[in-house]
Amino acid sequence: MDVPLWLALIIVGALGIKLIRPPWWLVAVILLGGYLLADSVLAPAIDTAINK
C-alpha cells in the first residue's frame, strides 16, 4: 500500500497532538523553525547528515 508522505505526516501529527497535547505555540515554533531551517545555508549540511 502506497501512502503519500503528506497524508502520513498529517496522521502522525494529528495523533501526536491528540496524545501528547503540546501547547499550540510549541507546535507553531517547531513548524516555523523547520520551514526556516530548510531554506537556510545549513540545509545542505543537514541533508547530507540525514542521507548518510
PDB file of N, CA and C in Angstrom:
ATOM      1  N   MET A   1       0.850  -1.172   0.000  1.00  0.00           N
ATOM      2  CA  MET A   1       0.000   0.000   0.000  1.00  0.00           C
ATOM      3  C   MET A   1       0.899   1.238   0.000  1.00  0.00           C
ATOM      4  N   ASP A   2       0.649   2.134  -0.924  1.00  0.00           N
ATOM      5  CA  ASP A   2       1.411   3.379  -1.027  1.00  0.00           C
ATOM      6  C   ASP A   2       0.620   4.510  -0.383  1.00  0.00           C
ATOM      7  N   VAL A   3       1.223   5.127   0.614  1.00  0.00           N
ATOM      8  CA  VAL A   3       0.596   6.260   1.302  1.00  0.00           C
ATOM      9  C   VAL A   3       1.420   7.505   0.985  1.00  0.00           C
ATOM     10  N   PRO A   4       0.770   8.578   0.516  1.00  0.00           N
ATOM     11  CA  PRO A   4       1.533   9.806   0.249  1.00  0.00           C
ATOM     12  C   PRO A   4       2.162  10.343   1.540  1.00  0.00           C
ATOM     13  N   LEU A   5       3.338  10.945   1.388  1.00  0.00           N
ATOM     14  CA  LEU A   5       4.059  11.464   2.549  1.00  0.00           C
ATOM     15  C   LEU A   5       3.244  12.508   3.288  1.00  0.00           C
ATOM     16  N   TRP A   6       2.556  13.383   2.581  1.00  0.00           N
ATOM     17  CA  TRP A   6       1.780  14.438   3.236  1.00  0.00           C
ATOM     18  C   TRP A   6       0.662  13.843   4.084  1.00  0.00           C
ATOM     19  N   LEU A   7       0.054  12.757   3.618  1.00  0.00           N
ATOM     20  CA  LEU A   7      -1.020  12.120   4.392  1.00  0.00           C
ATOM     21  C   LEU A   7      -0.456  11.452   5.647  1.00  0.00           C
ATOM     22  N   ALA A   8       0.681  10.790   5.521  1.00  0.00           N
ATOM     23  CA  ALA A   8       1.304  10.158   6.682  1.00  0.00           C
ATOM     24  C   ALA A   8       1.709  11.203   7.713  1.00  0.00           C
ATOM     25  N   LEU A   9       2.244  12.345   7.262  1.00  0.00           N
ATOM     26  CA  LEU A   9       2.631  13.402   8.192  1.00  0.00           C
ATOM     27  C   LEU A   9       1.429  14.002   8.905  1.00  0.00           C
ATOM     28  N   ILE A  10       0.334  14.169   8.183  1.00  0.00           N
ATOM     29  CA  ILE A  10      -0.879  14.702   8.816  1.00  0.00           C
ATOM     30  C   ILE A  10      -1.404  13.743   9.871  1.00  0.00           C
ATOM     31  N   ILE A  11      -1.413  12.456   9.564  1.00  0.00           N
ATOM     32  CA  ILE A  11      -1.917  11.462  10.524  1.00  0.00           C
ATOM     33  C   ILE A  11      -1.021  11.392  11.758  1.00  0.00           C
ATOM     34  N   VAL A  12       0.291  11.328  11.548  1.00  0.00           N
ATOM     35  CA  VAL A  12       1.216  11.272  12.686  1.00  0.00           C
ATOM     36  C   VAL A  12       1.139  12.563  13.504  1.00  0.00           C
ATOM     37  N   GLY A  13       1.053  13.686  12.829  1.00  0.00           N
ATOM     38  CA  GLY A  13       0.937  14.966  13.534  1.00  0.00           C
ATOM     39  C   GLY A  13      -0.338  15.068  14.351  1.00  0.00           C
ATOM     40  N   ALA A  14      -1.455  14.651  13.776  1.00  0.00           N
ATOM     41  CA  ALA A  14      -2.728  14.702  14.496  1.00  0.00           C
ATOM     42  C   ALA A  14      -2.713  13.781  15.714  1.00  0.00           C
ATOM     43  N   LEU A  15      -2.164  12.586  15.554  1.00  0.00           N
ATOM     44  CA  LEU A  15      -2.067  11.668  16.694  1.00  0.00           C
ATOM     45  C   LEU A  15      -1.136  12.208  17.771  1.00  0.00           C
ATOM     46  N   GLY A  16      -0.019  12.792  17.340  1.00  0.00           N
ATOM     47  CA  GLY A  16       0.918  13.365  18.306  1.00  0.00           C
ATOM     48  C   GLY A  16       0.303  14.501  19.096  1.00  0.00           C
ATOM     49  N   ILE A  17      -0.432  15.372  18.413  1.00  0.00           N
ATOM     50  CA  ILE A  17      -1.074  16.495  19.104  1.00  0.00           C
ATOM     51  C   ILE A  17      -2.164  15.995  20.039  1.00  0.00           C
ATOM     52  N   LYS A  18      -2.909  14.979  19.599  1.00  0.00           N
ATOM     53  CA  LYS A  18      -4.002  14.457  20.431  1.00  0.00           C
ATOM     54  C   LYS A  18      -3.478  13.701  21.660  1.00  0.00           C
ATOM     55  N   LEU A  19      -2.413  12.912  21.481  1.00  0.00           N
ATOM     56  CA  LEU A  19      -1.928  12.069  22.575  1.00  0.00           C
ATOM     57  C   LEU A  19      -0.968  12.807  23.505  1.00  0.00           C
ATOM     58  N   ILE A  20      -0.057  13.598  22.953  1.00  0.00           N
ATOM     59  CA  ILE A  20       0.950  14.256  23.777  1.00  0.00           C
ATOM     60  C   ILE A  20       0.450  15.595  24.300  1.00  0.00           C
ATOM     61  N   ARG A  21      -0.414  16.253  23.540  1.00  0.00           N
ATOM     62  CA  ARG A  21      -1.033  17.527  23.889  1.00  0.00           C
ATOM     63  C   ARG A  21      -0.017  18.632  24.198  1.00  0.00           C
ATOM     64  N   PRO A  22       0.899  18.913  23.229  1.00  0.00           N
ATOM     65  CA  PRO A  22       1.832  20.021  23.438  1.00  0.00           C
ATOM     66  C   PRO A  22       1.097  21.356  23.295  1.00  0.00           C
ATOM     67  N   PRO A  23       1.627  22.418  23.840  1.00  0.00           N
ATOM     68  CA  PRO A  23       0.995  23.729  23.640  1.00  0.00           C
ATOM     69  C   PRO A  23       1.073  24.129  22.164  1.00  0.00           C
ATOM     70  N   TRP A  24       0.060  24.852  21.712  1.00  0.00           N
ATOM     71  CA  TRP A  24      -0.005  25.231  20.295  1.00  0.00           C
ATOM     72  C   TRP A  24       1.152  26.126  19.882  1.00  0.00           C
ATOM     73  N   TRP A  25       1.660  26.951  20.824  1.00  0.00           N
ATOM     74  CA  TRP A  25       2.774  27.816  20.457  1.00  0.00           C
ATOM     75  C   TRP A  25       4.021  26.995  20.152  1.00  0.00           C
ATOM     76  N   LEU A  26       4.193  25.854  20.844  1.00  0.00           N
ATOM     77  CA  LEU A  26       5.343  24.995  20.597  1.00  0.00           C
ATOM     78  C   LEU A  26       5.238  24.332  19.223  1.00  0.00           C
ATOM     79  N   VAL A  27       4.045  23.910  18.866  1.00  0.00           N
ATOM     80  CA  VAL A  27       3.820  23.335  17.534  1.00  0.00           C
ATOM     81  C   VAL A  27       4.140  24.370  16.466  1.00  0.00           C
ATOM     82  N   ALA A  28       3.676  25.610  16.658  1.00  0.00           N
ATOM     83  CA  ALA A  28       3.928  26.675  15.688  1.00  0.00           C
ATOM     84  C   ALA A  28       5.416  26.988  15.581  1.00  0.00           C
ATOM     85  N   VAL A  29       6.131  27.016  16.701  1.00  0.00           N
ATOM     86  CA  VAL A  29       7.571  27.302  16.688  1.00  0.00           C
ATOM     87  C   VAL A  29       8.335  26.194  15.966  1.00  0.00           C
ATOM     88  N   ILE A  30       7.985  24.950  16.208  1.00  0.00           N
ATOM     89  CA  ILE A  30       8.667  23.833  15.551  1.00  0.00           C
ATOM     90  C   ILE A  30       8.417  23.853  14.045  1.00  0.00           C
ATOM     91  N   LEU A  31       7.168  24.086  13.638  1.00  0.00           N
ATOM     92  CA  LEU A  31       6.861  24.138  12.209  1.00  0.00           C
ATOM     93  C   LEU A  31       7.554  25.309  11.524  1.00  0.00           C
ATOM     94  N   LEU A  32       7.495  26.480  12.131  1.00  0.00           N
ATOM     95  CA  LEU A  32       8.137  27.654  11.550  1.00  0.00           C
ATOM     96  C   LEU A  32       9.653  27.495  11.530  1.00  0.00           C
ATOM     97  N   GLY A  33      10.211  26.959  12.604  1.00  0.00           N
ATOM     98  CA  GLY A  33      11.653  26.737  12.653  1.00  0.00           C
ATOM     99  C   GLY A  33      12.121  25.749  11.598  1.00  0.00           C
ATOM    100  N   GLY A  34      11.379  24.679  11.399  1.00  0.00           N
ATOM    101  CA  GLY A  34      11.728  23.711  10.352  1.00  0.00           C
ATOM    102  C   GLY A  34      11.641  24.311   8.967  1.00  0.00           C
ATOM    103  N   TYR A  35      10.619  25.123   8.750  1.00  0.00           N
ATOM    104  CA  TYR A  35      10.461  25.792   7.459  1.00  0.00           C
ATOM    105  C   TYR A  35      11.618  26.754   7.192  1.00  0.00           C
ATOM    106  N   LEU A  36      11.973  27.536   8.189  1.00  0.00           N
ATOM    107  CA  LEU A  36      13.063  28.495   8.013  1.00  0.00           C
ATOM    108  C   LEU A  36      14.418  27.797   7.889  1.00  0.00           C
ATOM    109  N   LEU A  37      14.613  26.709   8.624  1.00  0.00           N
ATOM    110  CA  LEU A  37      15.867  25.966   8.561  1.00  0.00           C
ATOM    111  C   LEU A  37      16.048  25.294   7.204  1.00  0.00           C
ATOM    112  N   ALA A  38      14.953  24.865   6.584  1.00  0.00           N
ATOM    113  CA  ALA A  38      15.034  24.215   5.279  1.00  0.00           C
ATOM    114  C   ALA A  38      15.487  25.185   4.199  1.00  0.00           C
ATOM    115  N   ASP A  39      15.313  26.479   4.418  1.00  0.00           N
ATOM    116  CA  ASP A  39      15.698  27.480   3.425  1.00  0.00           C
ATOM    117  C   ASP A  39      16.968  28.223   3.839  1.00  0.00           C
ATOM    118  N   SER A  40      17.696  27.705   4.815  1.00  0.00           N
ATOM    119  CA  SER A  40      18.894  28.388   5.309  1.00  0.00           C
ATOM    120  C   SER A  40      20.157  27.813   4.666  1.00  0.00           C
ATOM    121  N   VAL A  41      21.280  28.387   5.019  1.00  0.00           N
ATOM    122  CA  VAL A  41      22.563  27.893   4.498  1.00  0.00           C
ATOM    123  C   VAL A  41      22.941  26.556   5.127  1.00  0.00           C
ATOM    124  N   LEU A  42      22.275  26.177   6.202  1.00  0.00           N
ATOM    125  CA  LEU A  42      22.559  24.899   6.855  1.00  0.00           C
ATOM    126  C   LEU A  42      21.841  23.723   6.203  1.00  0.00           C
ATOM    127  N   ALA A  43      20.910  23.992   5.298  1.00  0.00           N
ATOM    128  CA  ALA A  43      20.109  22.936   4.682  1.00  0.00           C
ATOM    129  C   ALA A  43      20.957  21.866   3.983  1.00  0.00           C
ATOM    130  N   PRO A  44      21.976  22.227   3.189  1.00  0.00           N
ATOM    131  CA  PRO A  44      22.785  21.165   2.565  1.00  0.00           C
ATOM    132  C   PRO A  44      23.515  20.279   3.588  1.00  0.00           C
ATOM    133  N   ALA A  45      23.981  20.874   4.670  1.00  0.00           N
ATOM    134  CA  ALA A  45      24.674  20.068   5.687  1.00  0.00           C
ATOM    135  C   ALA A  45      23.708  19.120   6.387  1.00  0.00           C
ATOM    136  N   ILE A  46      22.515  19.591   6.661  1.00  0.00           N
ATOM    137  CA  ILE A  46      21.503  18.747   7.296  1.00  0.00           C
ATOM    138  C   ILE A  46      21.097  17.621   6.352  1.00  0.00           C
ATOM    139  N   ASP A  47      20.927  17.959   5.080  1.00  0.00           N
ATOM    140  CA  ASP A  47      20.544  16.949   4.077  1.00  0.00           C
ATOM    141  C   ASP A  47      21.612  15.874   3.957  1.00  0.00           C
ATOM    142  N   THR A  48      22.878  16.268   3.975  1.00  0.00           N
ATOM    143  CA  THR A  48      23.978  15.309   3.902  1.00  0.00           C
ATOM    144  C   THR A  48      23.989  14.415   5.141  1.00  0.00           C
ATOM    145  N   ALA A  49      23.753  15.001   6.312  1.00  0.00           N
ATOM    146  CA  ALA A  49      23.768  14.213   7.550  1.00  0.00           C
ATOM    147  C   ALA A  49      22.609  13.219   7.602  1.00  0.00           C
ATOM    148  N   ILE A  50      21.480  13.607   7.059  1.00  0.00           N
ATOM    149  CA  ILE A  50      20.304  12.732   7.093  1.00  0.00           C
ATOM    150  C   ILE A  50      20.437  11.601   6.088  1.00  0.00           C
ATOM    151  N   ASN A  51      20.990  11.867   4.932  1.00  0.00           N
ATOM    152  CA  ASN A  51      21.054  10.872   3.853  1.00  0.00           C
ATOM    153  C   ASN A  51      22.231   9.926   3.950  1.00  0.00           C
ATOM    154  N   LYS A  52      23.046  10.019   4.995  1.00  0.00           N
ATOM    155  CA  LYS A  52      24.179   9.086   5.152  1.00  0.00           C
ATOM    156  C   LYS A  52      23.713   7.723   5.507  1.00  0.00           C
TER     157      LYS A  52
END
